[in-house]
C-alpha atoms as a PDB file:
ATOM      1  CA  MET A   1      79.616 102.556  86.819  1.00  0.00           C
ATOM      2  CA  SER A   2      79.410 100.572  83.647  1.00  0.00           C
ATOM      3  CA  MET A   3      81.778  97.711  82.860  1.00  0.00           C
ATOM      4  CA  ASP A   4      83.209  99.625  79.909  1.00  0.00           C
ATOM      5  CA  ASP A   5      84.000 102.809  82.166  1.00  0.00           C
ATOM      6  CA  ALA A   6      85.513 100.459  84.858  1.00  0.00           C
ATOM      7  CA  LEU A   7      87.613  98.910  82.356  1.00  0.00           C
ATOM      8  CA  ARG A   8      88.650 102.180  80.867  1.00  0.00           C
ATOM      9  CA  LEU A   9      89.524 103.652  84.239  1.00  0.00           C
ATOM     10  CA  GLY A  10      91.302 100.400  85.304  1.00  0.00           C
ATOM     11  CA  CYS A  11      93.171  99.413  82.175  1.00  0.00           C
ATOM     12  CA  LEU A  12      93.380 101.938  79.424  1.00  0.00           C
ATOM     13  CA  ASN A  13      93.809 105.019  81.239  1.00  0.00           C
ATOM     14  CA  PRO A  14      96.780 103.930  83.655  1.00  0.00           C
ATOM     15  CA  ALA A  15      98.455 102.699  80.373  1.00  0.00           C
ATOM     16  CA  ARG A  16      98.088 106.003  78.904  1.00  0.00           C
ATOM     17  CA  VAL A  17      99.371 107.689  81.864  1.00  0.00           C
ATOM     18  CA  MET A  18     102.515 105.480  81.932  1.00  0.00           C
ATOM     19  CA  GLY A  19     102.932 106.132  78.192  1.00  0.00           C
ATOM     20  CA  ILE A  20     102.508 102.061  77.193  1.00  0.00           C
ATOM     21  CA  GLU A  21      99.122 102.415  75.637  1.00  0.00           C
ATOM     22  CA  HIS A  22     100.727 100.940  72.519  1.00  0.00           C
ATOM     23  CA  GLN A  23     101.481  97.776  74.370  1.00  0.00           C
ATOM     24  CA  LYS A  24      99.134  97.697  77.128  1.00  0.00           C
ATOM     25  CA  GLY A  25      95.536  98.958  78.280  1.00  0.00           C
ATOM     26  CA  SER A  26      93.333  97.064  75.673  1.00  0.00           C
ATOM     27  CA  LEU A  27      93.129  93.786  73.706  1.00  0.00           C
ATOM     28  CA  SER A  28      94.141  94.278  70.356  1.00  0.00           C
ATOM     29  CA  GLU A  29      96.528  92.932  67.614  1.00  0.00           C
ATOM     30  CA  GLY A  30     100.109  93.661  68.374  1.00  0.00           C
ATOM     31  CA  LYS A  31      99.477  94.292  72.199  1.00  0.00           C
ATOM     32  CA  ASP A  32     100.653  92.237  75.160  1.00  0.00           C
ATOM     33  CA  ALA A  33      97.352  90.144  75.810  1.00  0.00           C
ATOM     34  CA  ASP A  34      97.420  90.571  79.465  1.00  0.00           C
ATOM     35  CA  PHE A  35      93.768  89.867  80.744  1.00  0.00           C
ATOM     36  CA  VAL A  36      91.848  88.102  83.547  1.00  0.00           C
ATOM     37  CA  VAL A  37      88.739  86.171  82.967  1.00  0.00           C
ATOM     38  CA  ILE A  38      86.098  86.848  85.708  1.00  0.00           C
ATOM     39  CA  ASN A  39      82.911  85.155  86.421  1.00  0.00           C
ATOM     40  CA  GLU A  40      79.394  86.756  86.823  1.00  0.00           C
ATOM     41  CA  ASP A  41      80.298  87.425  90.340  1.00  0.00           C
ATOM     42  CA  TYR A  42      83.629  89.459  89.071  1.00  0.00           C
ATOM     43  CA  VAL A  43      85.694  86.578  90.740  1.00  0.00           C
ATOM     44  CA  ALA A  44      89.163  86.012  88.741  1.00  0.00           C
ATOM     45  CA  GLN A  45      88.986  82.688  87.161  1.00  0.00           C
ATOM     46  CA  SER A  46      92.258  82.762  85.266  1.00  0.00           C
ATOM     47  CA  THR A  47      94.869  85.211  84.221  1.00  0.00           C
ATOM     48  CA  TYR A  48      96.853  85.476  81.015  1.00  0.00           C
ATOM     49  CA  VAL A  49     100.259  87.218  80.554  1.00  0.00           C
ATOM     50  CA  GLU A  50     101.296  87.920  76.946  1.00  0.00           C
ATOM     51  CA  GLY A  51      98.580  85.520  75.948  1.00  0.00           C
ATOM     52  CA  ILE A  52      99.882  82.642  78.078  1.00  0.00           C
ATOM     53  CA  LEU A  53      97.888  81.288  81.131  1.00  0.00           C
ATOM     54  CA  ALA A  54      99.636  82.136  84.323  1.00  0.00           C
ATOM     55  CA  PHE A  55      96.955  81.547  86.742  1.00  0.00           C
ATOM     56  CA  ASN A  56      93.905  79.143  86.984  1.00  0.00           C
ATOM     57  CA  GLY A  57      91.781  79.488  89.919  1.00  0.00           C
ATOM     58  CA  GLU A  58      89.623  76.777  89.028  1.00  0.00           C
ATOM     59  CA  SER A  59      91.730  73.737  90.471  1.00  0.00           C
ATOM     60  CA  VAL A  60      94.466  74.350  93.380  1.00  0.00           C
ATOM     61  CA  ALA A  61      96.579  71.904  91.260  1.00  0.00           C
ATOM     62  CA  SER A  62      96.836  74.061  88.314  1.00  0.00           C
ATOM     63  CA  ILE A  63      97.443  77.499  89.971  1.00  0.00           C
ATOM     64  CA  GLY A  64     100.835  77.640  88.628  1.00  0.00           C
ATOM     65  CA  ASN A  65     101.576  77.278  84.740  1.00  0.00           C
ATOM     66  CA  PRO A  66     105.058  75.658  84.780  1.00  0.00           C
ATOM     67  CA  ASP A  67     105.800  76.944  81.126  1.00  0.00           C
ATOM     68  CA  PHE A  68     104.833  80.588  82.273  1.00  0.00           C
ATOM     69  CA  THR A  69     106.975  80.244  85.601  1.00  0.00           C
ATOM     70  CA  LYS A  70     110.012  78.845  83.453  1.00  0.00           C
ATOM     71  CA  ARG A  71     109.676  81.778  81.083  1.00  0.00           C
ATOM     72  CA  LEU A  72     109.730  84.369  83.931  1.00  0.00           C
ATOM     73  CA  ILE A  73     112.793  82.775  85.294  1.00  0.00           C
ATOM     74  CA  GLU A  74     114.503  82.784  82.142  1.00  0.00           C
ATOM     75  CA  GLU A  75     113.819  86.225  81.384  1.00  0.00           C
ATOM     76  CA  ALA A  76     114.904  87.659  84.759  1.00  0.00           C
END
């Protein structure tokens, strides 16, 4: 399976099924900018939620982004 097909099956199609494709499922202007950066071995290196770094797998000390965590708590 190509990467394009895998991304469509794992991102855009679920967003369409849930009726939120206007907000999630792909990267384009006006959408949430939720995405994962992977390396050539498909291992997650970092995760962004609404364009904000939420996880950085390169350093144990930087796993949690305090600004992101604070925002999650404030919005709960």
